[in-house]
Amino acid sequence: RSADQHPINVGDEDNDPLFAFGYGL
């Protein structure tokens, strides 16, 4: 969602991405 979320990866605690790993319309 923002630059201060780095690093962000699937399985992290408190993982709150704008779009999750595996997302796609």
PDB file of all heavy atoms in Angstrom:
ATOM      1  N   ARG A   1       0.828  -1.205   0.000  1.00  0.00           N
ATOM      2  CA  ARG A   1       0.000   0.000   0.000  1.00  0.00           C
ATOM      3  C   ARG A   1       0.862   1.255   0.000  1.00  0.00           C
ATOM      4  O   ARG A   1       0.496   2.283  -0.590  1.00  0.00           O
ATOM      5  CB  ARG A   1      -0.891   0.015   1.252  1.00  0.00           C
ATOM      6  CG  ARG A   1      -1.897  -1.111   1.304  1.00  0.00           C
ATOM      7  CD  ARG A   1      -2.722  -1.050   2.584  1.00  0.00           C
ATOM      8  NE  ARG A   1      -3.659  -2.153   2.634  1.00  0.00           N
ATOM      9  CZ  ARG A   1      -4.853  -2.145   2.060  1.00  0.00           C
ATOM     10  NH1 ARG A   1      -5.256  -1.064   1.416  1.00  0.00           N
ATOM     11  NH2 ARG A   1      -5.646  -3.190   2.145  1.00  0.00           N
ATOM     12  N   SER A   2       2.019   1.175   0.691  1.00  0.00           N
ATOM     13  CA  SER A   2       2.883   2.349   0.831  1.00  0.00           C
ATOM     14  C   SER A   2       4.323   1.896   0.940  1.00  0.00           C
ATOM     15  O   SER A   2       4.606   0.710   1.195  1.00  0.00           O
ATOM     16  CB  SER A   2       2.497   3.154   2.085  1.00  0.00           C
ATOM     17  OG  SER A   2       2.614   2.346   3.245  1.00  0.00           O
ATOM     18  N   ALA A   3       5.236   2.841   0.752  1.00  0.00           N
ATOM     19  CA  ALA A   3       6.660   2.506   0.748  1.00  0.00           C
ATOM     20  C   ALA A   3       7.131   1.973   2.095  1.00  0.00           C
ATOM     21  O   ALA A   3       8.071   1.179   2.159  1.00  0.00           O
ATOM     22  CB  ALA A   3       7.477   3.738   0.358  1.00  0.00           C
ATOM     23  N   ASP A   4       6.475   2.382   3.177  1.00  0.00           N
ATOM     24  CA  ASP A   4       6.944   1.950   4.499  1.00  0.00           C
ATOM     25  C   ASP A   4       6.543   0.516   4.834  1.00  0.00           C
ATOM     26  O   ASP A   4       6.866   0.017   5.910  1.00  0.00           O
ATOM     27  CB  ASP A   4       6.472   2.911   5.592  1.00  0.00           C
ATOM     28  CG  ASP A   4       4.962   3.044   5.650  1.00  0.00           C
ATOM     29  OD1 ASP A   4       4.250   2.254   5.005  1.00  0.00           O
ATOM     30  OD2 ASP A   4       4.486   3.966   6.356  1.00  0.00           O
ATOM     31  N   GLN A   5       5.840  -0.167   3.924  1.00  0.00           N
ATOM     32  CA  GLN A   5       5.504  -1.573   4.155  1.00  0.00           C
ATOM     33  C   GLN A   5       6.620  -2.517   3.742  1.00  0.00           C
ATOM     34  O   GLN A   5       6.580  -3.703   4.101  1.00  0.00           O
ATOM     35  CB  GLN A   5       4.224  -1.950   3.385  1.00  0.00           C
ATOM     36  CG  GLN A   5       2.936  -1.549   4.086  1.00  0.00           C
ATOM     37  CD  GLN A   5       1.734  -2.206   3.439  1.00  0.00           C
ATOM     38  OE1 GLN A   5       1.511  -2.055   2.239  1.00  0.00           O
ATOM     39  NE2 GLN A   5       0.958  -2.933   4.215  1.00  0.00           N
ATOM     40  N   HIS A   6       7.608  -2.039   3.030  1.00  0.00           N
ATOM     41  CA  HIS A   6       8.705  -2.919   2.602  1.00  0.00           C
ATOM     42  C   HIS A   6       9.553  -3.336   3.796  1.00  0.00           C
ATOM     43  O   HIS A   6       9.834  -2.527   4.670  1.00  0.00           O
ATOM     44  CB  HIS A   6       9.584  -2.194   1.582  1.00  0.00           C
ATOM     45  CG  HIS A   6       8.920  -1.974   0.265  1.00  0.00           C
ATOM     46  ND1 HIS A   6       8.539  -2.992  -0.564  1.00  0.00           N
ATOM     47  CD2 HIS A   6       8.560  -0.829  -0.370  1.00  0.00           C
ATOM     48  CE1 HIS A   6       7.979  -2.499  -1.653  1.00  0.00           C
ATOM     49  NE2 HIS A   6       7.981  -1.186  -1.565  1.00  0.00           N
ATOM     50  N   PRO A   7       9.991  -4.593   3.841  1.00  0.00           N
ATOM     51  CA  PRO A   7       9.637  -5.673   2.916  1.00  0.00           C
ATOM     52  C   PRO A   7       8.299  -6.307   3.282  1.00  0.00           C
ATOM     53  O   PRO A   7       7.942  -6.381   4.452  1.00  0.00           O
ATOM     54  CB  PRO A   7      10.786  -6.667   3.105  1.00  0.00           C
ATOM     55  CG  PRO A   7      11.220  -6.466   4.507  1.00  0.00           C
ATOM     56  CD  PRO A   7      11.035  -5.000   4.799  1.00  0.00           C
ATOM     57  N   ILE A   8       7.572  -6.760   2.276  1.00  0.00           N
ATOM     58  CA  ILE A   8       6.277  -7.393   2.489  1.00  0.00           C
ATOM     59  C   ILE A   8       6.198  -8.651   1.642  1.00  0.00           C
ATOM     60  O   ILE A   8       6.460  -8.615   0.442  1.00  0.00           O
ATOM     61  CB  ILE A   8       5.120  -6.416   2.168  1.00  0.00           C
ATOM     62  CG1 ILE A   8       3.767  -7.086   2.407  1.00  0.00           C
ATOM     63  CG2 ILE A   8       5.234  -5.859   0.763  1.00  0.00           C
ATOM     64  CD1 ILE A   8       2.592  -6.122   2.310  1.00  0.00           C
ATOM     65  N   ASN A   9       5.876  -9.775   2.292  1.00  0.00           N
ATOM     66  CA  ASN A   9       5.855 -11.060   1.593  1.00  0.00           C
ATOM     67  C   ASN A   9       4.724 -11.932   2.111  1.00  0.00           C
ATOM     68  O   ASN A   9       4.277 -11.789   3.259  1.00  0.00           O
ATOM     69  CB  ASN A   9       7.189 -11.804   1.789  1.00  0.00           C
ATOM     70  CG  ASN A   9       8.361 -11.076   1.178  1.00  0.00           C
ATOM     71  OD1 ASN A   9       8.498 -11.014  -0.042  1.00  0.00           O
ATOM     72  ND2 ASN A   9       9.211 -10.497   2.014  1.00  0.00           N
ATOM     73  N   VAL A  10       4.262 -12.830   1.266  1.00  0.00           N
ATOM     74  CA  VAL A  10       3.204 -13.752   1.662  1.00  0.00           C
ATOM     75  C   VAL A  10       3.662 -14.559   2.874  1.00  0.00           C
ATOM     76  O   VAL A  10       4.807 -15.003   2.954  1.00  0.00           O
ATOM     77  CB  VAL A  10       2.833 -14.686   0.485  1.00  0.00           C
ATOM     78  CG1 VAL A  10       4.018 -15.536   0.045  1.00  0.00           C
ATOM     79  CG2 VAL A  10       1.656 -15.553   0.843  1.00  0.00           C
ATOM     80  N   GLY A  11       2.778 -14.686   3.853  1.00  0.00           N
ATOM     81  CA  GLY A  11       3.102 -15.425   5.065  1.00  0.00           C
ATOM     82  C   GLY A  11       3.625 -14.575   6.200  1.00  0.00           C
ATOM     83  O   GLY A  11       3.755 -15.053   7.331  1.00  0.00           O
ATOM     84  N   ASP A  12       3.937 -13.288   5.931  1.00  0.00           N
ATOM     85  CA  ASP A  12       4.401 -12.399   7.000  1.00  0.00           C
ATOM     86  C   ASP A  12       3.286 -12.152   8.017  1.00  0.00           C
ATOM     87  O   ASP A  12       2.103 -12.131   7.673  1.00  0.00           O
ATOM     88  CB  ASP A  12       4.831 -11.041   6.428  1.00  0.00           C
ATOM     89  CG  ASP A  12       6.100 -11.124   5.618  1.00  0.00           C
ATOM     90  OD1 ASP A  12       6.771 -12.168   5.692  1.00  0.00           O
ATOM     91  OD2 ASP A  12       6.418 -10.152   4.908  1.00  0.00           O
ATOM     92  N   GLU A  13       3.683 -11.939   9.257  1.00  0.00           N
ATOM     93  CA  GLU A  13       2.712 -11.487  10.246  1.00  0.00           C
ATOM     94  C   GLU A  13       2.281 -10.068   9.901  1.00  0.00           C
ATOM     95  O   GLU A  13       3.057  -9.273   9.398  1.00  0.00           O
ATOM     96  CB  GLU A  13       3.331 -11.508  11.647  1.00  0.00           C
ATOM     97  CG  GLU A  13       3.572 -12.898  12.206  1.00  0.00           C
ATOM     98  CD  GLU A  13       4.044 -12.853  13.652  1.00  0.00           C
ATOM     99  OE1 GLU A  13       3.828 -11.816  14.312  1.00  0.00           O
ATOM    100  OE2 GLU A  13       4.635 -13.852  14.102  1.00  0.00           O
ATOM    101  N   ASP A  14       1.005  -9.765  10.179  1.00  0.00           N
ATOM    102  CA  ASP A  14       0.454  -8.431   9.906  1.00  0.00           C
ATOM    103  C   ASP A  14       0.599  -8.051   8.433  1.00  0.00           C
ATOM    104  O   ASP A  14       0.761  -6.886   8.086  1.00  0.00           O
ATOM    105  CB  ASP A  14       1.124  -7.367  10.790  1.00  0.00           C
ATOM    106  CG  ASP A  14       0.987  -7.682  12.266  1.00  0.00           C
ATOM    107  OD1 ASP A  14      -0.108  -8.136  12.675  1.00  0.00           O
ATOM    108  OD2 ASP A  14       1.966  -7.486  12.989  1.00  0.00           O
ATOM    109  N   ASN A  15       0.564  -9.052   7.567  1.00  0.00           N
ATOM    110  CA  ASN A  15       0.644  -8.788   6.133  1.00  0.00           C
ATOM    111  C   ASN A  15      -0.671  -8.163   5.676  1.00  0.00           C
ATOM    112  O   ASN A  15      -1.730  -8.780   5.762  1.00  0.00           O
ATOM    113  CB  ASN A  15       0.894 -10.109   5.387  1.00  0.00           C
ATOM    114  CG  ASN A  15       0.981  -9.936   3.884  1.00  0.00           C
ATOM    115  OD1 ASN A  15       0.003  -9.606   3.239  1.00  0.00           O
ATOM    116  ND2 ASN A  15       2.146 -10.180   3.322  1.00  0.00           N
ATOM    117  N   ASP A  16      -0.605  -6.935   5.223  1.00  0.00           N
ATOM    118  CA  ASP A  16      -1.823  -6.222   4.786  1.00  0.00           C
ATOM    119  C   ASP A  16      -1.545  -5.539   3.459  1.00  0.00           C
ATOM    120  O   ASP A  16      -1.500  -4.311   3.366  1.00  0.00           O
ATOM    121  CB  ASP A  16      -2.246  -5.207   5.851  1.00  0.00           C
ATOM    122  CG  ASP A  16      -3.529  -4.477   5.476  1.00  0.00           C
ATOM    123  OD1 ASP A  16      -4.382  -5.093   4.777  1.00  0.00           O
ATOM    124  OD2 ASP A  16      -3.669  -3.299   5.853  1.00  0.00           O
ATOM    125  N   PRO A  17      -1.352  -6.308   2.396  1.00  0.00           N
ATOM    126  CA  PRO A  17      -0.997  -5.711   1.104  1.00  0.00           C
ATOM    127  C   PRO A  17      -2.184  -5.027   0.448  1.00  0.00           C
ATOM    128  O   PRO A  17      -3.339  -5.299   0.778  1.00  0.00           O
ATOM    129  CB  PRO A  17      -0.544  -6.913   0.288  1.00  0.00           C
ATOM    130  CG  PRO A  17      -1.348  -8.039   0.836  1.00  0.00           C
ATOM    131  CD  PRO A  17      -1.481  -7.769   2.311  1.00  0.00           C
ATOM    132  N   LEU A  18      -1.887  -4.160  -0.492  1.00  0.00           N
ATOM    133  CA  LEU A  18      -2.938  -3.579  -1.323  1.00  0.00           C
ATOM    134  C   LEU A  18      -3.571  -4.675  -2.174  1.00  0.00           C
ATOM    135  O   LEU A  18      -4.797  -4.752  -2.311  1.00  0.00           O
ATOM    136  CB  LEU A  18      -2.333  -2.483  -2.210  1.00  0.00           C
ATOM    137  CG  LEU A  18      -3.278  -1.757  -3.163  1.00  0.00           C
ATOM    138  CD1 LEU A  18      -4.349  -1.004  -2.377  1.00  0.00           C
ATOM    139  CD2 LEU A  18      -2.497  -0.806  -4.062  1.00  0.00           C
ATOM    140  N   PHE A  19      -2.713  -5.531  -2.745  1.00  0.00           N
ATOM    141  CA  PHE A  19      -3.160  -6.716  -3.476  1.00  0.00           C
ATOM    142  C   PHE A  19      -2.301  -7.885  -3.012  1.00  0.00           C
ATOM    143  O   PHE A  19      -1.078  -7.786  -2.983  1.00  0.00           O
ATOM    144  CB  PHE A  19      -3.012  -6.533  -4.988  1.00  0.00           C
ATOM    145  CG  PHE A  19      -3.812  -5.402  -5.553  1.00  0.00           C
ATOM    146  CD1 PHE A  19      -3.191  -4.236  -5.987  1.00  0.00           C
ATOM    147  CD2 PHE A  19      -5.197  -5.479  -5.641  1.00  0.00           C
ATOM    148  CE1 PHE A  19      -3.922  -3.183  -6.508  1.00  0.00           C
ATOM    149  CE2 PHE A  19      -5.944  -4.433  -6.157  1.00  0.00           C
ATOM    150  CZ  PHE A  19      -5.311  -3.281  -6.587  1.00  0.00           C
ATOM    151  N   ALA A  20      -2.946  -8.981  -2.662  1.00  0.00           N
ATOM    152  CA  ALA A  20      -2.233 -10.110  -2.075  1.00  0.00           C
ATOM    153  C   ALA A  20      -1.544 -10.963  -3.135  1.00  0.00           C
ATOM    154  O   ALA A  20      -1.917 -10.959  -4.315  1.00  0.00           O
ATOM    155  CB  ALA A  20      -3.216 -10.983  -1.291  1.00  0.00           C
ATOM    156  N   PHE A  21      -0.530 -11.685  -2.725  1.00  0.00           N
ATOM    157  CA  PHE A  21       0.108 -12.700  -3.559  1.00  0.00           C
ATOM    158  C   PHE A  21      -0.989 -13.605  -4.129  1.00  0.00           C
ATOM    159  O   PHE A  21      -1.859 -14.085  -3.414  1.00  0.00           O
ATOM    160  CB  PHE A  21       1.074 -13.516  -2.703  1.00  0.00           C
ATOM    161  CG  PHE A  21       1.737 -14.663  -3.421  1.00  0.00           C
ATOM    162  CD1 PHE A  21       2.952 -14.487  -4.064  1.00  0.00           C
ATOM    163  CD2 PHE A  21       1.155 -15.926  -3.434  1.00  0.00           C
ATOM    164  CE1 PHE A  21       3.571 -15.539  -4.721  1.00  0.00           C
ATOM    165  CE2 PHE A  21       1.772 -16.991  -4.088  1.00  0.00           C
ATOM    166  CZ  PHE A  21       2.974 -16.791  -4.727  1.00  0.00           C
ATOM    167  N   GLY A  22      -0.952 -13.807  -5.442  1.00  0.00           N
ATOM    168  CA  GLY A  22      -1.961 -14.650  -6.077  1.00  0.00           C
ATOM    169  C   GLY A  22      -3.180 -13.912  -6.593  1.00  0.00           C
ATOM    170  O   GLY A  22      -4.059 -14.523  -7.215  1.00  0.00           O
ATOM    171  N   TYR A  23      -3.259 -12.598  -6.349  1.00  0.00           N
ATOM    172  CA  TYR A  23      -4.424 -11.819  -6.792  1.00  0.00           C
ATOM    173  C   TYR A  23      -4.367 -11.581  -8.303  1.00  0.00           C
ATOM    174  O   TYR A  23      -3.304 -11.378  -8.889  1.00  0.00           O
ATOM    175  CB  TYR A  23      -4.439 -10.468  -6.070  1.00  0.00           C
ATOM    176  CG  TYR A  23      -5.585  -9.561  -6.432  1.00  0.00           C
ATOM    177  CD1 TYR A  23      -6.804  -9.619  -5.765  1.00  0.00           C
ATOM    178  CD2 TYR A  23      -5.451  -8.630  -7.461  1.00  0.00           C
ATOM    179  CE1 TYR A  23      -7.854  -8.780  -6.093  1.00  0.00           C
ATOM    180  CE2 TYR A  23      -6.502  -7.778  -7.810  1.00  0.00           C
ATOM    181  CZ  TYR A  23      -7.702  -7.863  -7.123  1.00  0.00           C
ATOM    182  OH  TYR A  23      -8.736  -7.041  -7.460  1.00  0.00           O
ATOM    183  N   GLY A  24      -5.524 -11.572  -8.930  1.00  0.00           N
ATOM    184  CA  GLY A  24      -5.621 -11.243 -10.349  1.00  0.00           C
ATOM    185  C   GLY A  24      -7.035 -11.378 -10.824  1.00  0.00           C
ATOM    186  O   GLY A  24      -7.712 -12.370 -10.544  1.00  0.00           O
ATOM    187  N   LEU A  25      -7.535 -10.366 -11.528  1.00  0.00           N
ATOM    188  CA  LEU A  25      -8.900 -10.355 -12.025  1.00  0.00           C
ATOM    189  C   LEU A  25      -8.964 -10.894 -13.452  1.00  0.00           C
ATOM    190  O   LEU A  25      -7.951 -10.997 -14.143  1.00  0.00           O
ATOM    191  CB  LEU A  25      -9.459  -8.918 -12.019  1.00  0.00           C
ATOM    192  CG  LEU A  25      -9.501  -8.180 -10.691  1.00  0.00           C
ATOM    193  CD1 LEU A  25      -9.974  -6.744 -10.914  1.00  0.00           C
ATOM    194  CD2 LEU A  25     -10.418  -8.881  -9.699  1.00  0.00           C
TER     195      LEU A  25
END
